[in-house]
Structures are given as structure tokens and as C-alpha cells.
Amino acid sequence: MLSKHVPFIQQEAALGILRAADLIAQQSASVMKPFDLTGAQFNVLRILRGSPDGLPCGQIGERMIQRDPDVTRLLDRMQTRNLIVRQRSKQDRRVVTAKISEKGLDLLERLDPLVNQMHLRQFDGFSEIQLRQMKDLMDQVLNGGRNARP
């Protein structure tokens, strides 16, 4: 007799994604810990490295992997550690732009090879085709089930 609680394949897929994301987050945290860096701080540094002119707080929040309800406090802590610099816009005093500092760039430079090695270990055994399929499937999940590709 079948149970009333037969899991839907969608539930199993969602749980698999969540468990995989948690494992990756734990492994990332172990790489960041010796540098006294959180995953959110690392994410902000990578976002700002890709935006040499800097970004306002709101745009940083929009680009983060995991939404942080208090990006301003996160940036405050990073500024205290001299990982970023912030300046008020001359055109609109309400807008504060954050830029990665030299110290932040140096830290990413030291972390890049460790993060790359971690990702190589995490996905060892997957072919490039499988990795592209996985990325495409995750893009499709993020697009609400619609195809990511035209």
C-alpha cells in the first residue's frame, strides 16, 4: 500500500538543490574562515571587483547571492576592516557608492586560488558538458521553470 506522503519529484529536486547549496556554503565558509571573512563579505568583494567605478548599496544588495536585509551594516563592517571605501555622490548626497579597496583586492588575490581549488574538488568527476547542463538547469530554476536559452 502506498503512503499518502509519496514525495513529488519536484520536492526531491528542491531538497537536492538545498542540500547541495548547503554543502557548497559550508565548504566555502571553511575556506573563508582563516581570512575572517563571511560568505556575504566575499560576495560583496567579488561584486565590487567587477565594478571598478563602485556601486550604490542597493545595487550591491540586488547582486548578492543571498539577500542580506542589512547591506549597510555589512558594508560598515567591511569598511572598518578597510576592505572597501565609500563615498557620497556629489550629484545626489543621498547616494553612497562603495568601491573595493587595495586591501580588498589583495585579499581576493590571495583567496582566488583557494576558491578555484575548492570548486575543482567540488565538481571533480563532472564533465564540462554535465557542468554546462547543471548550470543551464539552475538558470532554468531561477527563471521560474522557463527555458534559460532561447
C-alpha atoms as a PDB file:
ATOM      1  CA  MET A   1       0.000   0.000   0.000  1.00  0.00           C
ATOM      2  CA  LEU A   2       1.342   3.415  -0.984  1.00  0.00           C
ATOM      3  CA  SER A   3       1.800   6.096   1.619  1.00  0.00           C
ATOM      4  CA  LYS A   4      -0.170   9.332   1.324  1.00  0.00           C
ATOM      5  CA  HIS A   5       3.150  11.139   1.636  1.00  0.00           C
ATOM      6  CA  VAL A   6       4.821   9.993  -1.565  1.00  0.00           C
ATOM      7  CA  PRO A   7       7.285  12.789  -2.354  1.00  0.00           C
ATOM      8  CA  PHE A   8       6.856  14.567  -5.635  1.00  0.00           C
ATOM      9  CA  ILE A   9       9.931  14.563  -7.836  1.00  0.00           C
ATOM     10  CA  GLN A  10       9.822  18.367  -7.628  1.00  0.00           C
ATOM     11  CA  GLN A  11      10.206  18.168  -3.831  1.00  0.00           C
ATOM     12  CA  GLU A  12      13.100  15.758  -4.187  1.00  0.00           C
ATOM     13  CA  ALA A  13      14.757  18.076  -6.721  1.00  0.00           C
ATOM     14  CA  ALA A  14      14.271  21.113  -4.465  1.00  0.00           C
ATOM     15  CA  LEU A  15      15.673  19.253  -1.454  1.00  0.00           C
ATOM     16  CA  GLY A  16      18.656  18.096  -3.507  1.00  0.00           C
ATOM     17  CA  ILE A  17      19.386  21.670  -4.588  1.00  0.00           C
ATOM     18  CA  LEU A  18      19.107  22.928  -0.992  1.00  0.00           C
ATOM     19  CA  ARG A  19      21.371  20.187   0.360  1.00  0.00           C
ATOM     20  CA  ALA A  20      23.948  20.774  -2.378  1.00  0.00           C
ATOM     21  CA  ALA A  21      23.842  24.543  -1.780  1.00  0.00           C
ATOM     22  CA  ASP A  22      24.323  23.995   1.960  1.00  0.00           C
ATOM     23  CA  LEU A  23      27.312  21.701   1.353  1.00  0.00           C
ATOM     24  CA  ILE A  24      28.901  24.226  -1.008  1.00  0.00           C
ATOM     25  CA  ALA A  25      28.248  27.029   1.507  1.00  0.00           C
ATOM     26  CA  GLN A  26      29.873  25.012   4.317  1.00  0.00           C
ATOM     27  CA  GLN A  27      32.926  24.279   2.207  1.00  0.00           C
ATOM     28  CA  SER A  28      33.160  27.930   1.159  1.00  0.00           C
ATOM     29  CA  ALA A  29      32.902  29.029   4.791  1.00  0.00           C
ATOM     30  CA  SER A  30      35.821  26.776   5.701  1.00  0.00           C
ATOM     31  CA  VAL A  31      37.948  28.438   3.000  1.00  0.00           C
ATOM     32  CA  MET A  32      36.930  31.950   4.151  1.00  0.00           C
ATOM     33  CA  LYS A  33      37.277  31.357   7.898  1.00  0.00           C
ATOM     34  CA  PRO A  34      41.098  31.687   8.121  1.00  0.00           C
ATOM     35  CA  PHE A  35      40.724  35.108   6.475  1.00  0.00           C
ATOM     36  CA  ASP A  36      37.999  36.158   8.943  1.00  0.00           C
ATOM     37  CA  LEU A  37      35.615  36.618   6.024  1.00  0.00           C
ATOM     38  CA  THR A  38      31.975  35.595   5.705  1.00  0.00           C
ATOM     39  CA  GLY A  39      30.406  34.326   2.523  1.00  0.00           C
ATOM     40  CA  ALA A  40      28.408  37.554   2.233  1.00  0.00           C
ATOM     41  CA  GLN A  41      31.561  39.678   2.597  1.00  0.00           C
ATOM     42  CA  PHE A  42      33.350  37.577  -0.023  1.00  0.00           C
ATOM     43  CA  ASN A  43      30.359  38.002  -2.313  1.00  0.00           C
ATOM     44  CA  VAL A  44      30.444  41.794  -1.876  1.00  0.00           C
ATOM     45  CA  LEU A  45      34.177  41.888  -2.630  1.00  0.00           C
ATOM     46  CA  ARG A  46      33.668  39.907  -5.841  1.00  0.00           C
ATOM     47  CA  ILE A  47      30.752  42.130  -6.868  1.00  0.00           C
ATOM     48  CA  LEU A  48      32.819  45.271  -6.278  1.00  0.00           C
ATOM     49  CA  ARG A  49      35.882  43.849  -8.046  1.00  0.00           C
ATOM     50  CA  GLY A  50      33.665  43.505 -11.120  1.00  0.00           C
ATOM     51  CA  SER A  51      32.509  47.122 -10.793  1.00  0.00           C
ATOM     52  CA  PRO A  52      35.635  49.299 -10.719  1.00  0.00           C
ATOM     53  CA  ASP A  53      33.568  52.516 -10.520  1.00  0.00           C
ATOM     54  CA  GLY A  54      31.797  51.173  -7.424  1.00  0.00           C
ATOM     55  CA  LEU A  55      28.125  50.594  -6.738  1.00  0.00           C
ATOM     56  CA  PRO A  56      25.435  52.064  -4.501  1.00  0.00           C
ATOM     57  CA  CYS A  57      24.334  49.927  -1.561  1.00  0.00           C
ATOM     58  CA  GLY A  58      21.029  48.965  -3.204  1.00  0.00           C
ATOM     59  CA  GLN A  59      22.698  47.621  -6.333  1.00  0.00           C
ATOM     60  CA  ILE A  60      25.127  45.581  -4.238  1.00  0.00           C
ATOM     61  CA  GLY A  61      22.164  44.067  -2.388  1.00  0.00           C
ATOM     62  CA  GLU A  62      20.434  43.199  -5.681  1.00  0.00           C
ATOM     63  CA  ARG A  63      23.512  41.367  -6.982  1.00  0.00           C
ATOM     64  CA  MET A  64      24.218  39.317  -3.860  1.00  0.00           C
ATOM     65  CA  ILE A  65      23.775  35.551  -3.948  1.00  0.00           C
ATOM     66  CA  GLN A  66      21.834  35.569  -0.694  1.00  0.00           C
ATOM     67  CA  ARG A  67      19.840  38.660   0.125  1.00  0.00           C
ATOM     68  CA  ASP A  68      21.091  40.465   3.211  1.00  0.00           C
ATOM     69  CA  PRO A  69      18.430  42.641   4.825  1.00  0.00           C
ATOM     70  CA  ASP A  70      21.070  44.993   6.216  1.00  0.00           C
ATOM     71  CA  VAL A  71      23.644  45.571   3.492  1.00  0.00           C
ATOM     72  CA  THR A  72      24.568  48.902   5.089  1.00  0.00           C
ATOM     73  CA  ARG A  73      25.793  47.211   8.280  1.00  0.00           C
ATOM     74  CA  LEU A  74      27.626  44.591   6.247  1.00  0.00           C
ATOM     75  CA  LEU A  75      29.398  47.393   4.370  1.00  0.00           C
ATOM     76  CA  ASP A  76      30.109  49.195   7.671  1.00  0.00           C
ATOM     77  CA  ARG A  77      31.975  46.134   8.971  1.00  0.00           C
ATOM     78  CA  MET A  78      33.877  45.810   5.710  1.00  0.00           C
ATOM     79  CA  GLN A  79      34.827  49.482   5.750  1.00  0.00           C
ATOM     80  CA  THR A  80      36.071  49.142   9.349  1.00  0.00           C
ATOM     81  CA  ARG A  81      38.420  46.408   8.086  1.00  0.00           C
ATOM     82  CA  ASN A  82      39.481  48.656   5.168  1.00  0.00           C
ATOM     83  CA  LEU A  83      38.218  46.134   2.602  1.00  0.00           C
ATOM     84  CA  ILE A  84      36.054  48.750   0.914  1.00  0.00           C
ATOM     85  CA  VAL A  85      35.838  52.530   0.709  1.00  0.00           C
ATOM     86  CA  ARG A  86      32.619  54.508   0.469  1.00  0.00           C
ATOM     87  CA  GLN A  87      31.937  57.994  -0.749  1.00  0.00           C
ATOM     88  CA  ARG A  88      28.862  60.137  -1.029  1.00  0.00           C
ATOM     89  CA  SER A  89      27.809  61.234  -4.508  1.00  0.00           C
ATOM     90  CA  LYS A  90      28.410  64.897  -5.292  1.00  0.00           C
ATOM     91  CA  GLN A  91      25.312  64.954  -7.532  1.00  0.00           C
ATOM     92  CA  ASP A  92      22.986  63.306  -5.004  1.00  0.00           C
ATOM     93  CA  ARG A  93      24.140  63.351  -1.374  1.00  0.00           C
ATOM     94  CA  ARG A  94      21.703  60.516  -0.563  1.00  0.00           C
ATOM     95  CA  VAL A  95      23.671  58.058  -2.730  1.00  0.00           C
ATOM     96  CA  VAL A  96      26.721  56.387  -1.204  1.00  0.00           C
ATOM     97  CA  THR A  97      28.955  54.413  -3.557  1.00  0.00           C
ATOM     98  CA  ALA A  98      31.115  51.544  -2.307  1.00  0.00           C
ATOM     99  CA  LYS A  99      34.346  50.526  -4.031  1.00  0.00           C
ATOM    100  CA  ILE A 100      36.731  47.718  -3.292  1.00  0.00           C
ATOM    101  CA  SER A 101      39.950  48.921  -1.645  1.00  0.00           C
ATOM    102  CA  GLU A 102      43.503  47.795  -2.394  1.00  0.00           C
ATOM    103  CA  LYS A 103      43.360  45.679   0.765  1.00  0.00           C
ATOM    104  CA  GLY A 104      40.130  44.072  -0.510  1.00  0.00           C
ATOM    105  CA  LEU A 105      41.722  43.376  -3.896  1.00  0.00           C
ATOM    106  CA  ASP A 106      44.785  41.872  -2.203  1.00  0.00           C
ATOM    107  CA  LEU A 107      42.565  39.624  -0.104  1.00  0.00           C
ATOM    108  CA  LEU A 108      40.700  38.377  -3.183  1.00  0.00           C
ATOM    109  CA  GLU A 109      44.030  37.788  -4.917  1.00  0.00           C
ATOM    110  CA  ARG A 110      45.035  35.503  -2.049  1.00  0.00           C
ATOM    111  CA  LEU A 111      41.641  33.768  -1.969  1.00  0.00           C
ATOM    112  CA  ASP A 112      41.215  33.199  -5.715  1.00  0.00           C
ATOM    113  CA  PRO A 113      43.471  30.114  -5.974  1.00  0.00           C
ATOM    114  CA  LEU A 114      41.932  28.569  -2.833  1.00  0.00           C
ATOM    115  CA  VAL A 115      38.395  29.128  -4.111  1.00  0.00           C
ATOM    116  CA  ASN A 116      39.330  27.773  -7.539  1.00  0.00           C
ATOM    117  CA  GLN A 117      40.801  24.626  -5.954  1.00  0.00           C
ATOM    118  CA  MET A 118      37.679  24.207  -3.825  1.00  0.00           C
ATOM    119  CA  HIS A 119      35.453  24.375  -6.913  1.00  0.00           C
ATOM    120  CA  LEU A 120      37.659  21.892  -8.767  1.00  0.00           C
ATOM    121  CA  ARG A 121      37.274  19.454  -5.836  1.00  0.00           C
ATOM    122  CA  GLN A 122      33.519  20.065  -5.556  1.00  0.00           C
ATOM    123  CA  PHE A 123      32.917  19.224  -9.190  1.00  0.00           C
ATOM    124  CA  ASP A 124      35.626  16.633  -9.757  1.00  0.00           C
ATOM    125  CA  GLY A 125      34.238  13.833 -11.879  1.00  0.00           C
ATOM    126  CA  PHE A 126      31.786  16.006 -13.800  1.00  0.00           C
ATOM    127  CA  SER A 127      32.415  16.572 -17.482  1.00  0.00           C
ATOM    128  CA  GLU A 128      32.267  20.052 -18.967  1.00  0.00           C
ATOM    129  CA  ILE A 129      29.037  19.055 -20.719  1.00  0.00           C
ATOM    130  CA  GLN A 130      27.495  17.954 -17.404  1.00  0.00           C
ATOM    131  CA  LEU A 131      28.579  21.188 -15.719  1.00  0.00           C
ATOM    132  CA  ARG A 132      27.051  23.265 -18.515  1.00  0.00           C
ATOM    133  CA  GLN A 133      23.827  21.234 -18.244  1.00  0.00           C
ATOM    134  CA  MET A 134      23.787  21.761 -14.471  1.00  0.00           C
ATOM    135  CA  LYS A 135      24.314  25.500 -14.918  1.00  0.00           C
ATOM    136  CA  ASP A 136      21.561  25.653 -17.551  1.00  0.00           C
ATOM    137  CA  LEU A 137      19.185  23.735 -15.282  1.00  0.00           C
ATOM    138  CA  MET A 138      19.915  26.067 -12.352  1.00  0.00           C
ATOM    139  CA  ASP A 139      19.336  29.052 -14.643  1.00  0.00           C
ATOM    140  CA  GLN A 140      16.021  27.496 -15.625  1.00  0.00           C
ATOM    141  CA  VAL A 141      15.068  27.062 -11.938  1.00  0.00           C
ATOM    142  CA  LEU A 142      15.930  30.722 -11.355  1.00  0.00           C
ATOM    143  CA  ASN A 143      13.761  31.696 -14.333  1.00  0.00           C
ATOM    144  CA  GLY A 144      10.718  30.024 -12.795  1.00  0.00           C
ATOM    145  CA  GLY A 145      10.946  26.875 -14.904  1.00  0.00           C
ATOM    146  CA  ARG A 146      11.124  28.660 -18.229  1.00  0.00           C
ATOM    147  CA  ASN A 147      13.961  27.773 -20.557  1.00  0.00           C
ATOM    148  CA  ALA A 148      17.054  29.843 -19.907  1.00  0.00           C
ATOM    149  CA  ARG A 149      18.071  29.594 -23.538  1.00  0.00           C
ATOM    150  CA  PRO A 150      16.045  30.960 -26.465  1.00  0.00           C
END
